[in-house]
N, C-alpha and C. Protein backbone atom coordinates (compact mmCIF):
# COMPACT_ATOMS: atom_id res chain seq x y z
N GLN A 1 -31.47 49.13 65.87
CA GLN A 1 -30.43 48.46 65.10
C GLN A 1 -29.30 48.04 66.05
N VAL A 2 -28.93 46.78 65.99
CA VAL A 2 -27.89 46.27 66.86
C VAL A 2 -26.51 46.56 66.25
N GLN A 3 -25.63 47.05 67.10
CA GLN A 3 -24.25 47.25 66.69
C GLN A 3 -23.32 46.74 67.77
N LEU A 4 -22.28 46.05 67.35
CA LEU A 4 -21.22 45.59 68.24
C LEU A 4 -19.91 46.15 67.70
N VAL A 5 -19.20 46.88 68.53
CA VAL A 5 -17.96 47.52 68.09
C VAL A 5 -16.82 47.08 69.00
N GLU A 6 -15.86 46.36 68.40
CA GLU A 6 -14.70 45.88 69.15
C GLU A 6 -13.57 46.90 69.11
N SER A 7 -12.74 46.83 70.13
CA SER A 7 -11.53 47.64 70.18
C SER A 7 -10.53 46.96 71.10
N GLY A 8 -9.28 47.43 71.03
CA GLY A 8 -8.28 46.92 71.97
C GLY A 8 -7.25 45.99 71.36
N GLY A 9 -7.43 45.63 70.09
CA GLY A 9 -6.45 44.76 69.47
C GLY A 9 -5.14 45.48 69.22
N GLY A 10 -4.13 44.72 68.82
CA GLY A 10 -2.84 45.31 68.55
C GLY A 10 -1.75 44.27 68.44
N LEU A 11 -0.52 44.75 68.46
CA LEU A 11 0.66 43.89 68.38
C LEU A 11 1.27 43.76 69.76
N VAL A 12 1.53 42.52 70.17
CA VAL A 12 2.09 42.27 71.50
C VAL A 12 3.08 41.13 71.40
N GLN A 13 4.05 41.11 72.28
CA GLN A 13 5.04 40.03 72.29
C GLN A 13 4.48 38.80 73.01
N THR A 14 5.07 37.67 72.72
CA THR A 14 4.70 36.44 73.42
C THR A 14 4.81 36.64 74.93
N GLY A 15 3.77 36.21 75.64
CA GLY A 15 3.72 36.38 77.08
C GLY A 15 3.04 37.65 77.53
N GLY A 16 2.75 38.53 76.59
CA GLY A 16 2.11 39.80 76.92
C GLY A 16 0.61 39.68 77.11
N SER A 17 -0.02 40.83 77.33
CA SER A 17 -1.45 40.87 77.60
C SER A 17 -2.13 41.93 76.74
N LEU A 18 -3.39 41.68 76.46
CA LEU A 18 -4.26 42.65 75.80
C LEU A 18 -5.64 42.52 76.39
N ARG A 19 -6.38 43.63 76.36
CA ARG A 19 -7.78 43.61 76.81
C ARG A 19 -8.65 44.10 75.66
N LEU A 20 -9.48 43.21 75.17
CA LEU A 20 -10.41 43.57 74.10
C LEU A 20 -11.72 44.06 74.72
N SER A 21 -12.32 45.03 74.06
CA SER A 21 -13.60 45.58 74.51
C SER A 21 -14.62 45.45 73.39
N CYS A 22 -15.86 45.27 73.76
CA CYS A 22 -16.97 45.23 72.80
C CYS A 22 -18.08 46.10 73.35
N ARG A 23 -18.35 47.18 72.64
CA ARG A 23 -19.44 48.07 73.04
C ARG A 23 -20.68 47.69 72.26
N ALA A 24 -21.78 47.45 72.98
CA ALA A 24 -23.03 47.04 72.34
C ALA A 24 -24.05 48.17 72.36
N SER A 25 -24.78 48.26 71.27
CA SER A 25 -25.92 49.18 71.20
C SER A 25 -27.06 48.45 70.51
N GLY A 26 -28.27 48.81 70.88
CA GLY A 26 -29.44 48.14 70.30
C GLY A 26 -29.80 46.85 71.00
N LEU A 27 -29.02 46.46 71.99
CA LEU A 27 -29.33 45.30 72.82
C LEU A 27 -28.74 45.53 74.20
N THR A 28 -29.17 44.71 75.15
CA THR A 28 -28.68 44.82 76.52
C THR A 28 -27.85 43.60 76.83
N VAL A 29 -26.57 43.79 77.16
CA VAL A 29 -25.68 42.64 77.32
C VAL A 29 -26.11 41.72 78.45
N ARG A 30 -26.80 42.29 79.46
CA ARG A 30 -27.23 41.45 80.59
C ARG A 30 -28.23 40.38 80.16
N THR A 31 -29.04 40.70 79.17
CA THR A 31 -30.09 39.79 78.73
C THR A 31 -29.77 39.11 77.41
N THR A 32 -28.50 39.16 77.05
CA THR A 32 -28.05 38.61 75.76
C THR A 32 -26.85 37.72 76.01
N THR A 33 -26.81 36.59 75.37
CA THR A 33 -25.62 35.74 75.42
C THR A 33 -24.55 36.38 74.54
N MET A 34 -23.41 36.68 75.14
CA MET A 34 -22.32 37.35 74.45
C MET A 34 -21.14 36.42 74.32
N ALA A 35 -20.41 36.56 73.23
CA ALA A 35 -19.28 35.66 73.00
C ALA A 35 -18.17 36.36 72.25
N TRP A 36 -17.00 35.76 72.30
CA TRP A 36 -15.86 36.15 71.49
C TRP A 36 -15.48 34.95 70.61
N PHE A 37 -15.25 35.23 69.35
CA PHE A 37 -14.73 34.26 68.40
C PHE A 37 -13.45 34.85 67.81
N ARG A 38 -12.69 34.00 67.16
CA ARG A 38 -11.50 34.49 66.46
C ARG A 38 -11.32 33.73 65.15
N GLN A 39 -10.61 34.38 64.24
CA GLN A 39 -10.36 33.77 62.93
C GLN A 39 -8.95 34.12 62.49
N ALA A 40 -8.12 33.11 62.37
CA ALA A 40 -6.77 33.29 61.88
C ALA A 40 -6.78 33.20 60.36
N PRO A 41 -5.78 33.77 59.70
CA PRO A 41 -5.73 33.73 58.23
C PRO A 41 -5.78 32.30 57.71
N GLY A 42 -6.69 32.06 56.77
CA GLY A 42 -6.81 30.74 56.16
C GLY A 42 -7.51 29.71 57.01
N LYS A 43 -8.03 30.11 58.15
CA LYS A 43 -8.70 29.16 59.04
C LYS A 43 -10.14 29.58 59.28
N GLU A 44 -10.91 28.62 59.78
CA GLU A 44 -12.30 28.92 60.09
C GLU A 44 -12.41 29.72 61.39
N ARG A 45 -13.50 30.44 61.51
CA ARG A 45 -13.76 31.18 62.73
C ARG A 45 -14.02 30.18 63.86
N GLU A 46 -13.44 30.44 65.03
CA GLU A 46 -13.58 29.51 66.15
C GLU A 46 -13.99 30.21 67.43
N PHE A 47 -14.69 29.46 68.25
CA PHE A 47 -15.16 29.96 69.54
C PHE A 47 -14.00 30.21 70.48
N VAL A 48 -14.10 31.28 71.26
CA VAL A 48 -13.08 31.59 72.27
C VAL A 48 -13.70 31.59 73.67
N ALA A 49 -14.77 32.36 73.85
CA ALA A 49 -15.36 32.47 75.18
C ALA A 49 -16.79 32.99 75.07
N ALA A 50 -17.59 32.71 76.11
CA ALA A 50 -18.96 33.20 76.12
C ALA A 50 -19.46 33.38 77.54
N ILE A 51 -20.40 34.29 77.69
CA ILE A 51 -21.16 34.46 78.94
C ILE A 51 -22.62 34.40 78.55
N ARG A 52 -23.36 33.49 79.21
CA ARG A 52 -24.77 33.34 78.86
C ARG A 52 -25.61 34.47 79.43
N ARG A 53 -26.71 34.74 78.77
CA ARG A 53 -27.62 35.81 79.21
C ARG A 53 -28.11 35.52 80.63
N TYR A 54 -28.26 36.59 81.37
CA TYR A 54 -28.70 36.58 82.77
C TYR A 54 -27.69 35.92 83.71
N ALA A 55 -27.05 34.88 83.27
CA ALA A 55 -26.20 34.07 84.15
C ALA A 55 -24.78 34.63 84.20
N LEU A 56 -24.03 34.17 85.12
CA LEU A 56 -22.64 34.56 85.23
C LEU A 56 -21.72 33.44 84.76
N ASP A 57 -22.28 32.32 84.34
CA ASP A 57 -21.43 31.20 83.94
C ASP A 57 -20.72 31.54 82.63
N GLN A 58 -19.45 31.18 82.60
CA GLN A 58 -18.60 31.46 81.46
C GLN A 58 -18.11 30.17 80.83
N TYR A 59 -17.81 30.26 79.58
CA TYR A 59 -17.35 29.10 78.83
C TYR A 59 -16.14 29.51 78.00
N TYR A 60 -15.16 28.62 77.91
CA TYR A 60 -13.92 28.91 77.18
C TYR A 60 -13.49 27.72 76.36
N ARG A 61 -12.81 28.01 75.26
CA ARG A 61 -12.17 26.91 74.54
C ARG A 61 -10.97 26.46 75.37
N ASP A 62 -10.63 25.19 75.25
CA ASP A 62 -9.62 24.61 76.12
C ASP A 62 -8.28 25.34 76.04
N SER A 63 -7.89 25.76 74.86
CA SER A 63 -6.56 26.34 74.67
C SER A 63 -6.38 27.71 75.33
N VAL A 64 -7.47 28.34 75.76
CA VAL A 64 -7.35 29.65 76.39
C VAL A 64 -7.71 29.63 77.87
N LYS A 65 -8.17 28.49 78.36
CA LYS A 65 -8.54 28.39 79.78
C LYS A 65 -7.35 28.71 80.67
N GLY A 66 -7.58 29.53 81.68
CA GLY A 66 -6.52 29.94 82.58
C GLY A 66 -5.72 31.13 82.09
N ARG A 67 -5.89 31.50 80.83
CA ARG A 67 -5.18 32.66 80.27
C ARG A 67 -6.13 33.80 79.91
N PHE A 68 -7.31 33.47 79.43
CA PHE A 68 -8.29 34.47 79.00
C PHE A 68 -9.44 34.53 80.00
N THR A 69 -9.96 35.73 80.20
CA THR A 69 -11.12 35.92 81.07
C THR A 69 -12.10 36.86 80.40
N MET A 70 -13.34 36.38 80.27
CA MET A 70 -14.39 37.23 79.70
C MET A 70 -15.21 37.82 80.83
N SER A 71 -15.58 39.09 80.68
CA SER A 71 -16.40 39.74 81.69
C SER A 71 -17.43 40.64 81.03
N ARG A 72 -18.38 41.04 81.84
CA ARG A 72 -19.50 41.85 81.34
C ARG A 72 -19.72 43.02 82.28
N ASP A 73 -19.92 44.21 81.73
CA ASP A 73 -20.25 45.40 82.51
C ASP A 73 -21.64 45.84 82.11
N ASN A 74 -22.61 45.49 82.94
CA ASN A 74 -24.00 45.79 82.59
C ASN A 74 -24.27 47.29 82.56
N ALA A 75 -23.63 48.04 83.42
CA ALA A 75 -23.86 49.48 83.47
C ALA A 75 -23.37 50.18 82.20
N GLU A 76 -22.23 49.70 81.68
CA GLU A 76 -21.66 50.30 80.47
C GLU A 76 -22.15 49.61 79.20
N ASN A 77 -22.85 48.49 79.38
CA ASN A 77 -23.34 47.69 78.25
C ASN A 77 -22.18 47.23 77.36
N MET A 78 -21.16 46.70 78.02
CA MET A 78 -19.96 46.26 77.31
C MET A 78 -19.54 44.89 77.81
N VAL A 79 -18.80 44.20 76.97
CA VAL A 79 -18.13 42.96 77.38
C VAL A 79 -16.65 43.10 77.06
N TYR A 80 -15.86 42.34 77.79
CA TYR A 80 -14.41 42.42 77.65
C TYR A 80 -13.81 41.03 77.53
N LEU A 81 -12.62 40.97 76.98
CA LEU A 81 -11.85 39.74 76.96
C LEU A 81 -10.43 40.10 77.38
N GLN A 82 -10.09 39.74 78.60
CA GLN A 82 -8.74 39.94 79.09
C GLN A 82 -7.90 38.75 78.67
N MET A 83 -6.84 39.02 77.92
CA MET A 83 -5.99 37.96 77.39
C MET A 83 -4.60 38.10 77.98
N ASN A 84 -4.19 37.11 78.73
CA ASN A 84 -2.86 37.10 79.34
C ASN A 84 -2.04 35.95 78.78
N SER A 85 -0.75 36.01 79.01
CA SER A 85 0.17 34.96 78.55
C SER A 85 -0.07 34.61 77.09
N LEU A 86 -0.14 35.63 76.28
CA LEU A 86 -0.46 35.43 74.86
C LEU A 86 0.61 34.64 74.14
N LYS A 87 0.16 33.85 73.18
CA LYS A 87 1.04 32.98 72.39
C LYS A 87 0.87 33.33 70.91
N PRO A 88 1.86 33.01 70.10
CA PRO A 88 1.73 33.30 68.66
C PRO A 88 0.48 32.66 68.05
N GLU A 89 0.07 31.52 68.55
CA GLU A 89 -1.12 30.86 68.00
C GLU A 89 -2.42 31.57 68.37
N ASP A 90 -2.35 32.59 69.21
CA ASP A 90 -3.52 33.41 69.50
C ASP A 90 -3.73 34.50 68.46
N THR A 91 -2.78 34.63 67.55
CA THR A 91 -2.89 35.65 66.50
C THR A 91 -4.11 35.39 65.63
N ALA A 92 -4.96 36.40 65.52
CA ALA A 92 -6.21 36.27 64.75
C ALA A 92 -6.97 37.58 64.80
N ASP A 93 -8.02 37.63 63.99
CA ASP A 93 -9.01 38.69 64.14
C ASP A 93 -10.02 38.19 65.17
N TYR A 94 -10.32 39.03 66.14
CA TYR A 94 -11.24 38.66 67.21
C TYR A 94 -12.57 39.39 67.02
N TYR A 95 -13.65 38.62 67.14
CA TYR A 95 -14.99 39.14 66.88
C TYR A 95 -15.87 38.99 68.12
N CYS A 96 -16.63 40.02 68.39
CA CYS A 96 -17.67 39.99 69.41
C CYS A 96 -18.97 39.52 68.74
N ALA A 97 -19.71 38.67 69.44
CA ALA A 97 -20.94 38.13 68.88
C ALA A 97 -22.02 38.11 69.94
N ALA A 98 -23.27 38.11 69.48
CA ALA A 98 -24.39 38.14 70.42
C ALA A 98 -25.57 37.34 69.88
N THR A 99 -26.30 36.74 70.82
CA THR A 99 -27.54 36.06 70.48
C THR A 99 -28.51 36.23 71.64
N THR A 100 -29.79 36.32 71.32
CA THR A 100 -30.79 36.50 72.37
C THR A 100 -31.19 35.17 73.03
N THR A 101 -30.64 34.07 72.52
CA THR A 101 -30.94 32.77 73.12
C THR A 101 -29.84 32.40 74.10
N GLY A 102 -30.10 31.42 74.93
CA GLY A 102 -29.09 30.93 75.87
C GLY A 102 -28.92 29.44 75.75
N ILE A 103 -29.01 28.95 74.53
CA ILE A 103 -28.98 27.51 74.30
C ILE A 103 -27.56 26.99 74.41
N LEU A 104 -27.32 26.08 75.32
CA LEU A 104 -25.98 25.56 75.53
C LEU A 104 -25.44 24.82 74.31
N SER A 105 -26.30 24.13 73.61
CA SER A 105 -25.84 23.30 72.50
C SER A 105 -25.25 24.11 71.35
N THR A 106 -25.60 25.38 71.24
CA THR A 106 -25.07 26.20 70.15
C THR A 106 -24.16 27.31 70.65
N LEU A 107 -23.83 27.26 71.90
CA LEU A 107 -23.03 28.32 72.52
C LEU A 107 -21.68 28.50 71.84
N ARG A 108 -21.10 27.38 71.38
CA ARG A 108 -19.75 27.42 70.80
C ARG A 108 -19.75 27.42 69.27
N SER A 109 -20.92 27.63 68.69
CA SER A 109 -21.06 27.57 67.23
C SER A 109 -21.24 28.95 66.63
N VAL A 110 -20.58 29.17 65.49
CA VAL A 110 -20.75 30.43 64.77
C VAL A 110 -22.22 30.62 64.42
N SER A 111 -22.88 29.54 64.03
CA SER A 111 -24.28 29.61 63.61
C SER A 111 -25.23 29.95 64.75
N GLY A 112 -24.75 29.88 65.97
CA GLY A 112 -25.61 30.17 67.11
C GLY A 112 -25.75 31.65 67.42
N TYR A 113 -25.08 32.50 66.66
CA TYR A 113 -25.07 33.94 66.95
C TYR A 113 -25.62 34.75 65.80
N THR A 114 -26.43 35.73 66.15
CA THR A 114 -27.11 36.55 65.16
C THR A 114 -26.34 37.82 64.80
N TYR A 115 -25.71 38.39 65.80
CA TYR A 115 -25.09 39.71 65.63
C TYR A 115 -23.57 39.59 65.78
N TRP A 116 -22.86 40.34 64.92
CA TRP A 116 -21.40 40.28 64.91
C TRP A 116 -20.80 41.67 64.79
N GLY A 117 -19.67 41.85 65.42
CA GLY A 117 -18.91 43.08 65.23
C GLY A 117 -18.02 42.96 64.01
N GLN A 118 -17.25 44.01 63.76
CA GLN A 118 -16.40 44.06 62.58
C GLN A 118 -15.04 43.41 62.82
N GLY A 119 -14.71 43.15 64.07
CA GLY A 119 -13.46 42.49 64.41
C GLY A 119 -12.34 43.44 64.78
N THR A 120 -11.42 42.93 65.57
CA THR A 120 -10.21 43.67 65.92
C THR A 120 -9.04 42.71 65.83
N GLN A 121 -7.94 43.19 65.27
CA GLN A 121 -6.82 42.31 64.98
C GLN A 121 -5.88 42.19 66.17
N VAL A 122 -5.49 40.95 66.46
CA VAL A 122 -4.51 40.68 67.51
C VAL A 122 -3.35 39.93 66.88
N THR A 123 -2.16 40.46 67.06
CA THR A 123 -0.96 39.82 66.54
C THR A 123 0.02 39.61 67.69
N VAL A 124 0.44 38.36 67.87
CA VAL A 124 1.38 38.02 68.92
C VAL A 124 2.69 37.62 68.27
N SER A 125 3.72 38.39 68.53
CA SER A 125 5.02 38.14 67.90
C SER A 125 5.87 37.22 68.77
N THR A 126 6.78 36.50 68.12
CA THR A 126 7.68 35.58 68.85
C THR A 126 8.89 36.32 69.40
């Protein structure tokens, strides 16, 4: 049974940093495409970042490039999202997602992922 468990969310001031963690079980992060999505109140879930299976190439939505960094720890079977220079518009529930495929065309789509965590809340105050 696959489980993804996020942690690390919280309340932070504008310009601050947070590090989100996603612990995976039932799958191996090295051989799985892993991603972070977020969903703000009243809005659709949106892509934030991804690392494709086997590869080290990373993908980010434009608004977080240069501020967010996704990484993978194969030994711990975890993925992380380091978020720096946070802005109020980054406020959302953040979700870890996984898929066994590495298809580029669906990398940024909610529908491209099979497994989801329960989410962790990030609030950035002004």
